[in-house]
Structures are given as C-alpha cells and as structure tokens.
Amino acid sequence: MRNCVATILAALSLPASAMDSAAQLAAMRAEARAYEHGEGVPRDMERAAGLYCAIAASGDADAQYSLGWMYANGRGVARDDPTAAFFFRLAAKQGHAQAQSMLRYVGEPAKHMPECLDGIDPQAYAAASPAQRKLIDLVRRLAPEYGVNPRLALAVARTESGLNPLAVSPKNAQGLMQLIPETAERFNVRKPFDPEQNVRGGLAYLRWLLAYYEGNVPLTLAAYNAGEGAVDRFKGIPPFAETRDYVTRIMMTFKRDAHPFNAAVTSPSPELARCVVKKTW
C-alpha cells in the first residue's frame, strides 16, 4: 500500500479547494467506499485502504474504524491484528461504538505508528537526533487521538520549540508546544516540561482552536501564537510580525487551509464570519 498512500497523501498536501472541510471528508469517504465495494468504479482495495488511511490521519473516526476492519479481515492489506487494534483504539477513543466492540477481538495495538499517519519526511526523520526522534514519535502517536493531523502537530512543535522540551520563551511559554501558564492550566497540564503532558496540552488546544475556527488552519495557527482574543479582535491574523511569520512558516509546510474539526468541542467564534485571511504563503 506504500505507493498508493504516498500518492494520496501528496495530493492531500495541496492547498484546499473552496469545498469546506466536512464536504471534502465526506467526498473522500464516499470514494473510499466505492473502491472498497466496486460501486461505480472497478474494485480497488489498495486504493480504498490508501484513502481511508489518508482520512484517518486527520482524525476521522469512521475512517479509522474502516481501516481497522480492513486490517482485521485482510481486505486489501495483509491481515495485521496489532495494526487493526491501533486504528480501532483511535476510533474508540472518539466514542465509535463499533470500534470499541472490535477491540475485544484483535488484542494489543501496534507500538509503531502506521505509515500513513507518520506526517513526516523520512529524510528529516533520519537527520534528527535520537532524542528528537523520540519526541517526533510522541507527537505522531498522540496527534490522531486529538483529531489533529500529525503533519500539522509536528510543524507547530518544530516552529514553537525546535523540538526542545525544556524551551522557555521570553513570554514564559514552556516546553515542546510552548504553553503559557494560563493555557497549561486551562488544559490540565501540571508538568509543562514533561513532554507527554506538554504535547497533550498543545494538541488539546489545537483541537479546541480548530473547532472554534471551524477548521480554518491559518486562523487556528494565528490564535495558537497570539491567542484567540487577538484573532477575534482583529478579525483575522493579527498585524504582528511574529504571528504573521509564524503562520506563514507553518502553512508553507502544512499547505492546507482547512482541517477536519469536532464541532462538539466548542461553539464557533462569534467573529468567524467576519474574519478575513490574507495569504502570505
């Protein structure tokens, strides 16, 4: 499935079209099901698995379940119960009832991240130090639990701290994801220099911001850097050189304006309809 997944993920790295994030996901899910069952197109289980995997990387529970089912039954991929359990567990943590039921039959989940969720250039990974690779693996492993694309999460971590879990900014932002004390408290991070606690706090904040700005990635990034209050006040990316540079740097890596979001996390920003994003990437 390697070449198929690589092709699909490359396509997903292109700038988002005018279609909104939810519609994009629905269309991709429908295409994956069509290839899985041969509905209107020649049956192509490998392509179906690649599509499901690409959608699962953005935290979609239905796609995570579908891919787990394919691995559990050897449909289009070699049967692999640990990998099936990995995807079932991701979906189950989002409340997917069928995934929760399937976990009883597939044993312990795989310890290594499946290829399509990696979110990192293999060359960049090879060039990283052993300590950095450990942190990269941590972000890659945790991001799907929060419905955050690993590529976006890693871009934020690299830009925030350079993958330094002990980093402290002049504004007292701390750790790998550079949480200010107020944000750390807001997302229940008691030990900001503990890498896992810090990453979970940063991912929880990204998940919240994605819901608050209904999947608008540039606004989410601007708010992560400058705070949602500033984004709402300026009705877009604030006119701060640091924030504009921050958004541009990450968008040049992530390259997608829209991201799936969980509307149940929070109500949208009351200023969202008035927010304007002027691209600089």
Protein backbone atom coordinates (compact mmCIF):
# COMPACT_ATOMS: atom_id res chain seq x y z
CA MET A 1 0.00 0.00 0.00
CA ARG A 2 3.07 2.28 0.30
CA ASN A 3 2.97 3.85 -3.21
CA CYS A 4 -0.81 4.28 -3.11
CA VAL A 5 -0.71 6.03 0.27
CA ALA A 6 2.20 8.24 -0.77
CA THR A 7 0.30 9.38 -3.87
CA ILE A 8 -2.86 10.14 -1.91
CA LEU A 9 -1.03 11.97 0.87
CA ALA A 10 0.83 14.05 -1.70
CA ALA A 11 -2.50 15.07 -3.19
CA LEU A 12 -3.80 15.96 0.25
CA SER A 13 -0.87 18.32 0.77
CA LEU A 14 -2.14 20.62 -1.97
CA PRO A 15 -3.99 23.79 -0.92
CA ALA A 16 -7.61 23.13 -0.03
CA SER A 17 -10.25 23.97 -2.59
CA ALA A 18 -13.33 26.06 -1.96
CA MET A 19 -15.09 22.94 -0.75
CA ASP A 20 -15.35 23.00 3.04
CA SER A 21 -13.51 20.51 5.20
CA ALA A 22 -16.56 18.41 6.10
CA ALA A 23 -17.59 18.13 2.46
CA GLN A 24 -14.05 17.12 1.47
CA LEU A 25 -14.02 14.35 4.04
CA ALA A 26 -17.48 13.13 3.02
CA ALA A 27 -16.42 13.01 -0.63
CA MET A 28 -13.23 11.12 0.20
CA ARG A 29 -15.15 8.67 2.41
CA ALA A 30 -17.62 8.03 -0.41
CA GLU A 31 -14.76 7.47 -2.86
CA ALA A 32 -13.06 5.04 -0.47
CA ARG A 33 -16.29 3.06 -0.02
CA ALA A 34 -16.81 2.99 -3.79
CA TYR A 35 -13.37 1.49 -4.36
CA GLU A 36 -13.81 -0.89 -1.43
CA HIS A 37 -17.10 -2.30 -2.76
CA GLY A 38 -16.71 -1.70 -6.51
CA GLU A 39 -19.64 0.71 -6.66
CA GLY A 40 -19.44 2.60 -9.95
CA VAL A 41 -15.68 2.05 -10.23
CA PRO A 42 -13.51 -1.07 -10.54
CA ARG A 43 -12.96 -2.57 -7.14
CA ASP A 44 -9.55 -1.47 -5.82
CA MET A 45 -8.98 -2.45 -2.19
CA GLU A 46 -5.48 -0.98 -2.11
CA ARG A 47 -6.75 2.42 -3.20
CA ALA A 48 -9.63 2.18 -0.72
CA ALA A 49 -7.18 1.46 2.10
CA GLY A 50 -4.98 4.35 1.00
CA LEU A 51 -7.92 6.75 1.02
CA TYR A 52 -9.14 5.55 4.41
CA CYS A 53 -5.61 5.93 5.77
CA ALA A 54 -5.29 9.49 4.44
CA ILE A 55 -8.63 10.44 6.03
CA ALA A 56 -7.71 8.68 9.28
CA ALA A 57 -4.60 10.86 9.51
CA SER A 58 -6.89 13.85 10.04
CA GLY A 59 -8.59 12.16 12.99
CA ASP A 60 -11.74 10.85 11.29
CA ALA A 61 -13.16 8.06 13.49
CA ASP A 62 -15.19 6.39 10.73
CA ALA A 63 -12.12 6.11 8.51
CA GLN A 64 -10.05 4.81 11.43
CA TYR A 65 -12.67 2.13 12.05
CA SER A 66 -12.91 1.19 8.36
CA LEU A 67 -9.16 0.81 8.10
CA GLY A 68 -9.04 -1.22 11.30
CA TRP A 69 -11.69 -3.51 9.86
CA MET A 70 -9.66 -3.98 6.67
CA TYR A 71 -6.56 -4.94 8.65
CA ALA A 72 -8.57 -7.22 10.96
CA ASN A 73 -10.01 -9.11 7.97
CA GLY A 74 -7.14 -8.90 5.48
CA ARG A 75 -9.18 -6.89 2.99
CA GLY A 76 -6.84 -5.10 0.58
CA VAL A 77 -4.00 -5.28 3.09
CA ALA A 78 -2.25 -8.15 4.82
CA ARG A 79 -4.11 -9.21 7.95
CA ASP A 80 -2.48 -7.49 10.91
CA ASP A 81 -4.34 -7.57 14.22
CA PRO A 82 -1.98 -5.15 16.06
CA THR A 83 -2.41 -2.53 13.32
CA ALA A 84 -6.16 -3.16 13.31
CA ALA A 85 -6.17 -2.62 17.07
CA PHE A 86 -4.19 0.61 16.61
CA PHE A 87 -6.89 2.07 14.37
CA PHE A 88 -9.79 0.65 16.41
CA ARG A 89 -8.32 2.23 19.53
CA LEU A 90 -8.07 5.65 17.85
CA ALA A 91 -11.71 5.45 16.78
CA ALA A 92 -12.85 4.03 20.13
CA LYS A 93 -11.32 6.96 22.00
CA GLN A 94 -13.63 9.20 19.99
CA GLY A 95 -16.65 7.17 21.09
CA HIS A 96 -17.02 4.97 17.99
CA ALA A 97 -19.17 2.10 19.33
CA GLN A 98 -18.25 -0.49 16.68
CA ALA A 99 -14.55 0.19 17.18
CA GLN A 100 -14.97 -0.25 20.92
CA SER A 101 -16.59 -3.61 20.30
CA MET A 102 -13.90 -4.77 17.83
CA LEU A 103 -11.10 -4.07 20.30
CA ARG A 104 -12.12 -7.23 22.16
CA TYR A 105 -11.11 -9.41 19.21
CA VAL A 106 -7.80 -8.03 17.98
CA GLY A 107 -5.53 -7.95 21.03
CA GLU A 108 -2.94 -5.30 21.83
CA PRO A 109 -2.38 -2.40 19.41
CA ALA A 110 0.83 -1.98 17.41
CA LYS A 111 3.50 0.05 19.17
CA HIS A 112 4.72 1.69 15.96
CA MET A 113 2.87 4.36 14.00
CA PRO A 114 1.35 3.03 10.75
CA GLU A 115 2.97 4.59 7.71
CA CYS A 116 0.05 6.73 6.59
CA LEU A 117 -0.15 8.55 9.94
CA ASP A 118 3.53 9.44 10.02
CA GLY A 119 3.22 13.04 8.89
CA ILE A 120 6.98 13.44 8.49
CA ASP A 121 9.54 13.44 5.71
CA PRO A 122 11.68 10.29 6.10
CA GLN A 123 14.83 12.31 5.29
CA ALA A 124 14.05 14.83 8.04
CA TYR A 125 13.44 11.98 10.45
CA ALA A 126 16.73 10.33 9.55
CA ALA A 127 18.57 13.62 10.09
CA ALA A 128 17.07 14.13 13.57
CA SER A 129 18.98 13.19 16.70
CA PRO A 130 17.84 10.11 18.67
CA ALA A 131 16.32 12.41 21.31
CA GLN A 132 14.44 14.38 18.67
CA ARG A 133 13.17 11.20 17.03
CA LYS A 134 11.71 10.13 20.35
CA LEU A 135 9.84 13.43 20.58
CA ILE A 136 8.73 13.22 16.94
CA ASP A 137 7.36 9.74 17.59
CA LEU A 138 5.50 11.07 20.63
CA VAL A 139 3.77 13.80 18.62
CA ARG A 140 2.97 11.39 15.77
CA ARG A 141 1.47 8.89 18.18
CA LEU A 142 -0.67 11.34 20.14
CA ALA A 143 -1.91 13.68 17.39
CA PRO A 144 -4.59 11.35 15.92
CA GLU A 145 -6.06 10.85 19.41
CA TYR A 146 -6.93 14.55 19.37
CA GLY A 147 -8.13 14.64 15.77
CA VAL A 148 -5.09 16.67 14.71
CA ASN A 149 -3.16 15.81 11.57
CA PRO A 150 0.34 14.69 12.67
CA ARG A 151 1.94 16.84 9.98
CA LEU A 152 0.28 19.96 11.42
CA ALA A 153 1.13 18.99 15.01
CA LEU A 154 4.78 18.41 14.13
CA ALA A 155 5.01 21.68 12.22
CA VAL A 156 3.71 23.51 15.29
CA ALA A 157 6.10 21.70 17.64
CA ARG A 158 9.11 22.39 15.41
CA THR A 159 8.22 26.05 14.97
CA GLU A 160 7.40 26.58 18.64
CA SER A 161 10.41 24.99 20.30
CA GLY A 162 12.66 23.39 17.71
CA LEU A 163 11.70 20.11 19.44
CA ASN A 164 13.26 21.27 22.71
CA PRO A 165 11.13 20.01 25.65
CA LEU A 166 12.89 22.41 28.04
CA ALA A 167 12.43 25.56 25.94
CA VAL A 168 11.22 28.73 27.69
CA SER A 169 10.32 31.86 25.74
CA PRO A 170 10.70 35.49 26.90
CA LYS A 171 6.91 35.41 27.50
CA ASN A 172 7.30 32.28 29.70
CA ALA A 173 5.84 29.87 27.16
CA GLN A 174 7.15 26.49 28.19
CA GLY A 175 8.08 23.11 26.79
CA LEU A 176 7.76 21.36 23.46
CA MET A 177 4.49 23.04 22.43
CA GLN A 178 5.34 26.32 24.21
CA LEU A 179 2.34 26.57 26.53
CA ILE A 180 1.97 29.74 28.56
CA PRO A 181 0.97 29.01 32.18
CA GLU A 182 -2.64 30.07 31.58
CA THR A 183 -3.01 27.68 28.64
CA ALA A 184 -1.29 24.88 30.55
CA GLU A 185 -3.76 25.32 33.42
CA ARG A 186 -6.69 25.55 31.00
CA PHE A 187 -5.84 22.15 29.52
CA ASN A 188 -4.80 20.49 32.76
CA VAL A 189 -1.04 20.39 32.16
CA ARG A 190 0.53 20.19 35.61
CA LYS A 191 4.09 19.49 34.47
CA PRO A 192 4.79 21.65 31.41
CA PHE A 193 8.30 20.24 30.96
CA ASP A 194 7.03 16.67 30.85
CA PRO A 195 6.98 16.01 27.08
CA GLU A 196 3.82 13.91 27.02
CA GLN A 197 1.83 16.27 29.25
CA ASN A 198 3.01 19.24 27.22
CA VAL A 199 2.17 17.64 23.86
CA ARG A 200 -1.25 16.58 25.09
CA GLY A 201 -1.93 20.13 26.26
CA GLY A 202 -0.82 21.59 22.95
CA LEU A 203 -2.91 19.10 20.98
CA ALA A 204 -5.94 19.77 23.16
CA TYR A 205 -5.53 23.49 22.46
CA LEU A 206 -5.15 22.89 18.72
CA ARG A 207 -8.28 20.70 18.75
CA TRP A 208 -10.19 23.45 20.57
CA LEU A 209 -8.99 26.16 18.19
CA LEU A 210 -9.83 24.06 15.14
CA ALA A 211 -13.39 23.75 16.45
CA TYR A 212 -13.54 27.44 17.41
CA TYR A 213 -12.49 28.48 13.89
CA GLU A 214 -14.34 25.60 12.17
CA GLY A 215 -11.24 24.03 10.67
CA ASN A 216 -9.67 27.25 9.37
CA VAL A 217 -5.97 26.42 9.72
CA PRO A 218 -4.45 29.93 9.33
CA LEU A 219 -6.78 31.36 11.99
CA THR A 220 -6.06 28.40 14.27
CA LEU A 221 -2.32 28.94 13.94
CA ALA A 222 -2.62 32.69 14.48
CA ALA A 223 -4.62 32.04 17.64
CA TYR A 224 -2.13 29.45 18.88
CA ASN A 225 0.57 32.09 18.60
CA ALA A 226 -1.25 35.26 19.62
CA GLY A 227 -4.39 33.98 21.37
CA GLU A 228 -7.94 33.68 20.08
CA GLY A 229 -8.79 37.03 21.66
CA ALA A 230 -6.34 38.80 19.34
CA VAL A 231 -7.62 36.95 16.26
CA ASP A 232 -11.22 37.82 17.13
CA ARG A 233 -10.33 41.42 17.88
CA PHE A 234 -8.52 41.93 14.57
CA LYS A 235 -10.98 39.69 12.68
CA GLY A 236 -8.18 37.71 11.11
CA ILE A 237 -4.47 37.18 11.51
CA PRO A 238 -3.27 39.97 13.85
CA PRO A 239 -0.86 42.55 12.37
CA PHE A 240 2.03 41.28 14.46
CA ALA A 241 5.21 40.46 12.54
CA GLU A 242 5.88 37.45 14.76
CA THR A 243 2.38 36.00 14.26
CA ARG A 244 2.33 36.57 10.52
CA ASP A 245 5.75 34.96 10.13
CA TYR A 246 4.64 32.06 12.35
CA VAL A 247 1.54 31.36 10.28
CA THR A 248 3.43 31.66 7.00
CA ARG A 249 6.19 29.27 8.10
CA ILE A 250 3.77 26.56 9.17
CA MET A 251 1.41 26.97 6.23
CA MET A 252 4.35 26.53 3.84
CA THR A 253 4.87 23.13 5.48
CA PHE A 254 1.27 22.02 6.03
CA LYS A 255 -0.17 23.58 2.83
CA ARG A 256 -3.84 23.06 3.66
CA ASP A 257 -6.22 25.84 4.58
CA ALA A 258 -8.88 23.51 6.02
CA HIS A 259 -8.71 20.74 8.61
CA PRO A 260 -11.44 18.44 9.99
CA PHE A 261 -12.81 19.59 13.34
CA ASN A 262 -15.09 18.31 16.05
CA ALA A 263 -17.96 20.77 16.43
CA ALA A 264 -18.84 19.24 19.81
CA VAL A 265 -15.62 20.61 21.36
CA THR A 266 -16.78 24.25 21.46
CA SER A 267 -19.06 26.75 19.78
CA PRO A 268 -17.53 28.68 16.88
CA SER A 269 -16.03 32.12 17.29
CA PRO A 270 -18.70 34.84 17.20
CA GLU A 271 -16.35 36.76 14.88
CA LEU A 272 -15.66 33.89 12.48
CA ALA A 273 -17.96 35.14 9.71
CA ARG A 274 -16.15 38.49 9.78
CA CYS A 275 -12.64 37.08 9.82
CA VAL A 276 -10.54 37.61 6.69
CA VAL A 277 -7.33 35.74 5.91
CA LYS A 278 -4.84 37.42 3.60
CA LYS A 279 -2.43 34.79 2.35
CA THR A 280 1.31 35.35 2.56
CA TRP A 281 2.32 31.80 1.64
